[in-house]
Protein backbone atom coordinates (compact mmCIF):
# COMPACT_ATOMS: atom_id res chain seq x y z
CA UNK A 1 22.09 -18.27 -33.61
CA UNK A 2 19.95 -16.49 -36.21
CA UNK A 3 18.32 -13.16 -35.49
CA UNK A 4 14.80 -13.24 -34.14
CA UNK A 5 12.53 -11.80 -36.87
CA UNK A 6 10.17 -10.39 -34.22
CA UNK A 7 12.96 -8.11 -33.02
CA UNK A 8 14.10 -6.83 -36.41
CA UNK A 9 11.92 -3.72 -36.24
CA UNK A 10 13.35 -2.87 -32.82
CA UNK A 11 16.87 -3.46 -34.10
CA UNK A 12 16.23 -1.12 -37.02
CA UNK A 13 15.30 1.67 -34.60
CA UNK A 14 18.43 0.98 -32.53
CA UNK A 15 20.59 1.20 -35.64
CA UNK A 16 18.94 4.48 -36.65
CA UNK A 17 19.75 5.95 -33.24
CA UNK A 18 23.31 4.65 -33.41
CA UNK A 19 23.76 6.41 -36.76
CA UNK A 20 22.70 9.67 -35.12
CA UNK A 21 24.89 9.05 -32.09
CA UNK A 22 21.89 9.55 -29.80
CA UNK A 23 20.54 6.95 -27.34
CA UNK A 24 17.64 8.44 -25.35
CA UNK A 25 16.52 5.06 -24.03
CA UNK A 26 19.82 3.99 -22.53
CA UNK A 27 20.71 7.01 -20.41
CA UNK A 28 22.63 6.11 -17.29
CA UNK A 29 22.53 8.40 -14.29
CA UNK A 30 25.99 7.81 -12.87
CA UNK A 31 25.20 9.36 -9.51
CA UNK A 32 22.08 10.77 -7.88
CA UNK A 33 22.88 14.04 -6.12
CA UNK A 34 19.39 15.00 -4.93
CA UNK A 35 15.74 14.47 -5.90
CA UNK A 36 16.28 16.92 -8.77
CA UNK A 37 19.93 16.54 -9.81
CA UNK A 38 22.25 13.80 -11.01
CA UNK A 39 25.51 13.25 -12.84
CA UNK A 40 25.04 12.17 -16.47
CA UNK A 41 28.12 11.83 -18.69
CA UNK A 42 30.07 13.56 -15.93
CA UNK A 43 27.83 16.64 -16.13
CA UNK A 44 25.66 17.96 -13.31
CA UNK A 45 22.15 17.62 -14.76
CA UNK A 46 18.70 18.83 -13.69
CA UNK A 47 16.38 15.82 -13.60
CA UNK A 48 13.09 16.84 -15.19
CA UNK A 49 11.87 13.42 -16.23
CA UNK A 50 11.66 11.31 -13.07
CA UNK A 51 7.99 11.45 -11.92
CA UNK A 52 9.33 12.28 -8.44
CA UNK A 53 6.39 14.63 -7.99
CA UNK A 54 6.73 15.40 -4.28
CA UNK A 55 10.50 14.89 -4.15
CA UNK A 56 10.26 12.25 -1.42
CA UNK A 57 13.09 9.98 -2.61
CA UNK A 58 15.49 11.66 -0.16
CA UNK A 59 12.99 12.34 2.62
CA UNK A 60 14.85 11.67 5.91
CA UNK A 61 11.87 10.01 7.60
CA UNK A 62 11.31 7.70 4.65
CA UNK A 63 14.98 6.71 4.51
CA UNK A 64 15.03 6.08 8.27
CA UNK A 65 11.94 3.84 8.05
CA UNK A 66 13.49 1.86 5.21
CA UNK A 67 16.79 1.46 7.06
CA UNK A 68 15.06 0.24 10.23
CA UNK A 69 12.99 -2.32 8.31
CA UNK A 70 16.04 -3.48 6.36
CA UNK A 71 17.95 -4.19 9.54
CA UNK A 72 14.97 -5.80 11.27
CA UNK A 73 13.50 -7.94 8.48
CA UNK A 74 16.26 -8.37 5.89
CA UNK A 75 16.56 -7.56 2.23
CA UNK A 76 13.56 -9.40 0.78
CA UNK A 77 10.69 -11.81 1.33
CA UNK A 78 11.85 -14.39 -1.27
CA UNK A 79 8.26 -15.35 -1.98
CA UNK A 80 4.82 -14.28 -3.12
CA UNK A 81 2.07 -13.07 -0.82
CA UNK A 82 0.30 -16.40 -1.31
CA UNK A 83 3.37 -18.38 -0.23
CA UNK A 84 5.78 -17.00 2.35
CA UNK A 85 5.92 -13.35 1.36
CA UNK A 86 3.08 -11.76 3.32
CA UNK A 87 4.55 -9.88 6.29
CA UNK A 88 2.73 -7.75 8.85
CA UNK A 89 3.92 -4.61 7.06
CA UNK A 90 2.22 -5.59 3.81
CA UNK A 91 -1.14 -5.82 5.50
CA UNK A 92 -0.52 -2.66 7.52
CA UNK A 93 0.19 -0.75 4.30
CA UNK A 94 -3.08 -2.06 2.82
CA UNK A 95 -4.95 -0.82 5.89
CA UNK A 96 -3.19 2.56 5.58
CA UNK A 97 -4.11 2.88 1.90
CA UNK A 98 -7.76 1.97 2.51
CA UNK A 99 -7.96 4.56 5.29
CA UNK A 100 -6.26 7.20 3.13
CA UNK A 101 -8.91 6.81 0.43
CA UNK A 102 -11.80 6.14 2.80
CA UNK A 103 -12.36 2.75 1.18
CA UNK A 104 -13.15 -0.65 2.68
CA UNK A 105 -9.93 -2.45 1.77
CA UNK A 106 -6.80 -2.49 -0.38
CA UNK A 107 -4.45 -4.86 -2.18
CA UNK A 108 -0.73 -4.14 -2.58
CA UNK A 109 1.06 -5.35 -5.73
CA UNK A 110 4.77 -5.51 -6.48
CA UNK A 111 4.60 -2.85 -9.23
CA UNK A 112 2.09 -0.36 -10.57
CA UNK A 113 2.15 -2.21 -13.88
CA UNK A 114 1.09 -5.38 -12.08
CA UNK A 115 -1.70 -3.55 -10.27
CA UNK A 116 -3.43 -2.90 -13.59
CA UNK A 117 -2.48 -6.29 -14.97
CA UNK A 118 -3.67 -8.09 -11.85
CA UNK A 119 -6.93 -6.22 -11.32
CA UNK A 120 -8.20 -6.22 -14.91
CA UNK A 121 -7.36 -9.89 -15.50
CA UNK A 122 -9.13 -10.87 -12.26
CA UNK A 123 -12.23 -8.72 -12.75
CA UNK A 124 -13.07 -9.84 -16.30
CA UNK A 125 -12.50 -12.88 -18.49
CA UNK A 126 -13.51 -14.54 -21.73
CA UNK A 127 -16.93 -13.34 -22.82
CA UNK A 128 -16.82 -10.18 -20.71
CA UNK A 129 -16.40 -6.62 -22.04
CA UNK A 130 -13.83 -4.00 -21.08
CA UNK A 131 -14.32 -0.42 -22.25
CA UNK A 132 -10.99 1.43 -22.30
CA UNK A 133 -9.88 4.92 -23.24
CA UNK A 134 -7.97 4.82 -26.53
CA UNK A 135 -4.96 6.52 -24.89
CA UNK A 136 -4.70 4.00 -22.07
CA UNK A 137 -1.34 3.02 -20.61
CA UNK A 138 0.35 -0.16 -21.85
CA UNK A 139 -0.36 -1.88 -18.52
CA UNK A 140 -4.11 -1.45 -19.11
CA UNK A 141 -3.87 -2.88 -22.61
CA UNK A 142 -1.78 -5.79 -21.33
CA UNK A 143 -4.22 -6.46 -18.49
CA UNK A 144 -7.00 -6.69 -21.07
CA UNK A 145 -4.96 -9.14 -23.15
CA UNK A 146 -4.26 -11.32 -20.12
CA UNK A 147 -7.96 -11.33 -19.19
CA UNK A 148 -9.14 -12.62 -22.58
CA UNK A 149 -12.12 -10.24 -22.41
CA UNK A 150 -13.53 -8.40 -25.40
CA UNK A 151 -11.94 -4.94 -25.54
CA UNK A 152 -13.80 -1.92 -26.90
CA UNK A 153 -11.89 1.36 -27.18
CA UNK A 154 -13.66 4.71 -27.00
CA UNK A 155 -12.29 8.09 -28.05
CA UNK A 156 -9.89 9.69 -25.62
CA UNK A 157 -11.66 11.51 -22.78
CA UNK A 158 -14.97 11.31 -24.66
CA UNK A 159 -17.80 10.28 -22.33
CA UNK A 160 -20.40 10.66 -25.10
CA UNK A 161 -18.51 8.14 -27.26
CA UNK A 162 -18.29 5.77 -24.28
CA UNK A 163 -22.06 6.06 -23.71
CA UNK A 164 -22.78 5.41 -27.40
CA UNK A 165 -20.70 2.23 -27.34
CA UNK A 166 -22.25 1.13 -24.06
CA UNK A 167 -25.75 1.41 -25.55
CA UNK A 168 -24.75 -1.01 -28.30
CA UNK A 169 -24.08 -3.65 -25.63
CA UNK A 170 -27.72 -3.72 -24.55
CA UNK A 171 -28.23 -5.64 -21.32
CA UNK A 172 -24.53 -6.62 -21.27
CA UNK A 173 -23.59 -3.01 -20.50
CA UNK A 174 -24.34 -3.58 -16.82
CA UNK A 175 -21.57 -6.19 -16.70
CA UNK A 176 -18.95 -4.08 -18.49
CA UNK A 177 -15.77 -2.81 -16.85
CA UNK A 178 -14.86 0.79 -17.74
CA UNK A 179 -11.17 1.65 -17.33
CA UNK A 180 -9.82 5.21 -17.50
CA UNK A 181 -6.92 7.18 -16.03
CA UNK A 182 -7.06 10.30 -13.90
CA UNK A 183 -4.11 12.09 -15.50
CA UNK A 184 -2.61 10.71 -18.70
CA UNK A 185 1.14 10.32 -18.53
CA UNK A 186 2.07 11.48 -22.03
CA UNK A 187 0.37 14.89 -22.28
CA UNK A 188 -0.65 15.43 -18.67
CA UNK A 189 -4.32 15.93 -19.60
CA UNK A 190 -7.05 15.14 -17.08
CA UNK A 191 -10.03 12.84 -17.57
CA UNK A 192 -13.59 14.18 -17.27
CA UNK A 193 -14.30 11.78 -14.42
CA UNK A 194 -17.66 13.36 -13.51
CA UNK A 195 -18.90 12.55 -17.01
CA UNK A 196 -17.50 9.02 -16.91
CA UNK A 197 -19.08 8.45 -13.49
CA UNK A 198 -22.43 9.60 -14.92
CA UNK A 199 -22.14 7.03 -17.74
CA UNK A 200 -21.19 4.35 -15.25
CA UNK A 201 -24.29 5.09 -13.15
CA UNK A 202 -26.56 5.22 -16.21
CA UNK A 203 -25.66 1.70 -17.29
CA UNK A 204 -24.87 0.17 -13.90
CA UNK A 205 -21.35 -0.75 -15.04
CA UNK A 206 -18.13 -0.99 -13.01
CA UNK A 207 -15.62 1.87 -13.08
CA UNK A 208 -11.88 1.52 -12.50
CA UNK A 209 -9.62 4.60 -12.45
CA UNK A 210 -5.83 4.55 -12.61
CA UNK A 211 -4.65 7.49 -10.48
CA UNK A 212 -0.91 6.82 -10.93
CA UNK A 213 -0.13 10.38 -12.04
CA UNK A 214 -2.70 12.18 -9.90
CA UNK A 215 -2.19 10.55 -6.49
CA UNK A 216 -0.31 13.00 -4.31
CA UNK A 217 -0.81 15.75 -6.89
CA UNK A 218 -4.56 16.44 -6.96
CA UNK A 219 -7.46 16.29 -4.55
CA UNK A 220 -7.74 16.77 -0.81
CA UNK A 221 -4.72 15.22 0.90
CA UNK A 222 -3.54 14.07 -2.53
CA UNK A 223 -6.24 11.48 -3.11
CA UNK A 224 -6.28 12.16 -6.84
CA UNK A 225 -8.56 13.48 -9.55
CA UNK A 226 -11.61 11.43 -8.56
CA UNK A 227 -11.53 13.09 -5.16
CA UNK A 228 -10.93 16.53 -6.67
CA UNK A 229 -13.95 16.10 -8.96
CA UNK A 230 -16.12 14.74 -6.14
CA UNK A 231 -16.73 11.29 -7.64
CA UNK A 232 -14.49 9.08 -5.49
CA UNK A 233 -17.56 7.24 -4.21
CA UNK A 234 -18.54 6.40 -7.81
CA UNK A 235 -15.20 4.75 -8.54
CA UNK A 236 -15.40 1.04 -7.80
CA UNK A 237 -11.65 0.43 -8.03
CA UNK A 238 -8.88 3.00 -7.64
CA UNK A 239 -5.53 1.75 -8.89
CA UNK A 240 -2.24 3.52 -8.30
CA UNK A 241 1.49 3.23 -7.90
CA UNK A 242 4.16 3.98 -5.33
CA UNK A 243 6.69 5.00 -8.00
CA UNK A 244 5.48 8.54 -8.55
CA UNK A 245 4.48 10.75 -5.60
CA UNK A 246 5.53 8.17 -3.00
CA UNK A 247 9.05 7.92 -4.40
CA UNK A 248 9.32 4.14 -4.30
CA UNK A 249 8.14 1.10 -6.26
CA UNK A 250 4.97 -0.98 -6.06
CA UNK A 251 1.27 -0.66 -6.82
CA UNK A 252 -2.13 -0.94 -5.20
CA UNK A 253 -5.88 -1.07 -5.58
CA UNK A 254 -8.41 0.29 -3.09
CA UNK A 255 -12.12 -0.50 -3.19
CA UNK A 256 -15.34 -0.81 -1.24
CA UNK A 257 -16.06 -4.13 -2.99
CA UNK A 258 -16.59 -7.05 -0.60
CA UNK A 259 -14.96 -9.23 -3.26
CA UNK A 260 -11.60 -7.46 -3.10
CA UNK A 261 -9.99 -10.03 -0.84
CA UNK A 262 -11.24 -12.88 -3.06
CA UNK A 263 -9.60 -11.15 -6.04
CA UNK A 264 -6.21 -12.00 -4.54
CA UNK A 265 -6.83 -15.65 -5.38
CA UNK A 266 -7.89 -14.86 -8.95
CA UNK A 267 -5.05 -12.45 -9.81
CA UNK A 268 -2.12 -14.31 -11.36
CA UNK A 269 0.31 -11.36 -11.14
CA UNK A 270 -0.46 -11.20 -7.40
CA UNK A 271 -0.29 -14.94 -6.80
CA UNK A 272 2.92 -15.62 -8.70
CA UNK A 273 5.10 -12.55 -8.01
CA UNK A 274 7.45 -12.10 -5.07
CA UNK A 275 6.16 -9.50 -2.64
CA UNK A 276 7.80 -6.15 -1.99
CA UNK A 277 10.84 -6.08 0.35
CA UNK A 278 10.18 -4.96 3.94
CA UNK A 279 12.26 -1.80 3.46
CA UNK A 280 10.12 -0.78 0.49
CA UNK A 281 6.93 -1.37 2.46
CA UNK A 282 8.16 0.62 5.46
CA UNK A 283 9.37 3.51 3.30
CA UNK A 284 6.07 3.61 1.42
CA UNK A 285 4.06 3.67 4.65
CA UNK A 286 6.11 6.62 5.88
CA UNK A 287 5.84 8.39 2.51
CA UNK A 288 2.06 7.94 2.60
CA UNK A 289 1.95 9.59 6.02
CA UNK A 290 4.05 12.46 4.68
CA UNK A 291 1.86 12.75 1.59
CA UNK A 292 -1.29 12.99 3.72
CA UNK A 293 0.07 16.12 5.37
CA UNK A 294 1.89 17.51 2.32
CA UNK A 295 -0.31 20.48 1.40
CA UNK A 296 2.82 22.64 1.25
CA UNK A 297 4.52 20.20 -1.13
CA UNK A 298 1.47 20.06 -3.40
CA UNK A 299 1.33 23.87 -3.48
CA UNK A 300 5.03 24.04 -4.33
CA UNK A 301 4.53 21.44 -7.05
CA UNK A 302 1.65 23.39 -8.56
CA UNK A 303 3.64 26.63 -8.46
CA UNK A 304 6.56 24.92 -10.20
CA UNK A 305 4.26 23.40 -12.82
CA UNK A 306 2.67 26.76 -13.56
CA UNK A 307 6.09 28.44 -13.74
CA UNK A 308 7.41 25.87 -16.22
CA UNK A 309 4.21 25.83 -18.27
CA UNK A 310 4.15 29.62 -18.50
CA UNK A 311 7.84 29.82 -19.33
CA UNK A 312 7.69 27.29 -22.14
CA UNK A 313 4.46 28.78 -23.44
CA UNK A 314 6.04 32.23 -23.57
CA UNK A 315 8.84 30.76 -25.69
CA UNK A 316 6.25 29.69 -28.26
CA UNK A 317 6.31 25.93 -27.69
CA UNK A 318 3.15 23.87 -28.20
CA UNK A 319 2.12 22.31 -24.91
CA UNK A 320 0.01 19.22 -24.42
CA UNK A 321 -2.29 20.30 -21.58
CA UNK A 322 -2.86 23.00 -18.95
CA UNK A 323 -0.29 23.28 -16.16
CA UNK A 324 0.13 20.03 -14.28
CA UNK A 325 2.94 17.86 -12.89
CA UNK A 326 3.40 16.58 -16.46
CA UNK A 327 4.31 19.30 -18.98
CA UNK A 328 4.60 17.96 -22.52
CA UNK A 329 6.19 19.90 -25.38
CA UNK A 330 4.86 18.73 -28.74
CA UNK A 331 7.60 18.51 -31.35
CA UNK A 332 6.06 16.53 -34.21
CA UNK A 333 8.97 15.18 -36.24
CA UNK A 334 10.81 12.25 -34.63
CA UNK A 335 14.25 13.24 -35.90
CA UNK A 336 13.86 16.79 -34.63
CA UNK A 337 12.64 15.46 -31.27
CA UNK A 338 15.72 13.24 -30.98
CA UNK A 339 18.07 16.14 -31.67
CA UNK A 340 16.10 18.44 -29.38
CA UNK A 341 16.30 15.90 -26.53
CA UNK A 342 20.05 15.47 -27.07
CA UNK A 343 20.53 19.25 -27.09
CA UNK A 344 18.77 19.57 -23.74
CA UNK A 345 20.87 16.81 -22.19
CA UNK A 346 24.06 18.49 -23.36
CA UNK A 347 22.77 21.69 -21.78
CA UNK A 348 22.25 20.00 -18.42
CA UNK A 349 18.57 19.10 -18.52
CA UNK A 350 17.18 15.55 -18.67
CA UNK A 351 13.62 15.07 -19.93
CA UNK A 352 11.75 12.10 -21.38
CA UNK A 353 11.65 11.61 -25.14
CA UNK A 354 8.42 10.04 -26.38
CA UNK A 355 7.94 8.93 -29.98
CA UNK A 356 5.23 7.06 -31.92
CA UNK A 357 3.61 4.61 -31.54
CA UNK A 358 3.71 5.29 -27.79
CA UNK A 359 2.41 8.85 -28.19
CA UNK A 360 -1.12 10.15 -28.83
CA UNK A 361 -1.79 11.34 -32.36
CA UNK A 362 1.43 9.89 -33.71
CA UNK A 363 3.40 13.00 -32.69
CA UNK A 364 6.78 13.02 -30.95
CA UNK A 365 7.08 14.99 -27.73
CA UNK A 366 9.42 15.94 -24.91
CA UNK A 367 7.88 15.16 -21.56
CA UNK A 368 8.87 17.10 -18.45
CA UNK A 369 7.80 15.93 -15.02
CA UNK A 370 7.84 18.62 -12.38
CA UNK A 371 8.78 18.05 -8.74
CA UNK A 372 8.00 19.96 -5.57
CA UNK A 373 11.74 19.67 -4.92
CA UNK A 374 12.67 21.75 -7.98
CA UNK A 375 13.75 25.25 -7.07
CA UNK A 376 12.43 28.26 -9.02
CA UNK A 377 15.98 28.68 -10.32
CA UNK A 378 15.97 25.12 -11.67
CA UNK A 379 12.64 25.68 -13.40
CA UNK A 380 14.07 28.81 -15.01
CA UNK A 381 17.18 26.84 -16.05
CA UNK A 382 14.96 24.26 -17.74
CA UNK A 383 13.21 27.04 -19.67
CA UNK A 384 16.57 28.52 -20.62
CA UNK A 385 17.74 25.17 -22.01
CA UNK A 386 14.59 24.95 -24.13
CA UNK A 387 15.13 28.52 -25.29
CA UNK A 388 18.68 27.69 -26.36
CA UNK A 389 17.31 25.08 -28.77
CA UNK A 390 15.40 27.82 -30.57
CA UNK A 391 18.62 29.79 -30.88
CA UNK A 392 20.58 26.73 -32.05
CA UNK A 393 18.05 26.14 -34.83
CA UNK A 394 18.08 29.75 -36.04
């Protein structure tokens, strides 16, 4: 069979990596030792690239809830929510999420990616307009493509640019969907949600905020950046994921919209995807309860983030944003970033390597995600590994 020409560019990148003997996108964690450590290539490694913000993947209560549901309801639903896959637990989790955010209702999706895909494609269609931040996650872009709506990008975190583009729509601005994120996953920078909410109110548009990287991290009880900035009531749709602070997999949307339940019937990713296994649902419900009372975990996470940010800053590295659960080190050159990432792994620290075109500004970076489960000693060890790169280059 001949090679697929659409994949030749990808194959070229793979061959380049093979020449260097570095494969950052195929790392296998042979054994998980704790929320913050694993065995990689037989070496005990600090995991600083997992998004396990509150460290709940080994929480005893969460594991117990999953085990009980597994034994009571089996391994999976074998169907979508619209067919045979809607169990009592799915609805109970939706009720829990709505109560957590103080919203009217919620929808649970099988992944966070599908939450964006499913909501955007159901809310807008051909002839409609979606205004998205230029640095939006791939799931937002893909949701726009699936919808068939007209997509207008505005400059990253620039409410004035959004307003300017909204004015050009005239009367159609009131029907536009604005999509932004609370915390952006690459650099860890926060959105000016108060300003975006003001634009939304000015034009009477609809505002959707993806809080994937701010749920559990920011706001009272971990309700995210919109809550922290006091504009949760202005957000028409809050989308999030279970795969970050809740330590599981899945996604959701909460809203006060009376049309939310009808959206289930219009969302193809919801209609045609098997629902989450009962054990996942039970574990997520327990993790949400833990998150609601996790002020100590959020404080520990913030302390760890500030410790890492200060340590890397003192070493002279360029950092992407103020201290947050995501701490990005800007490297610039792709080849140097690859070697830097490999150096860290060999020194017992796993981080995420991000290269263009996935990165803002076309610059390569090393992305650290901080956990409440990291010890101060582990944070210092991460800094020491980064410092050793400076010495290796000298």
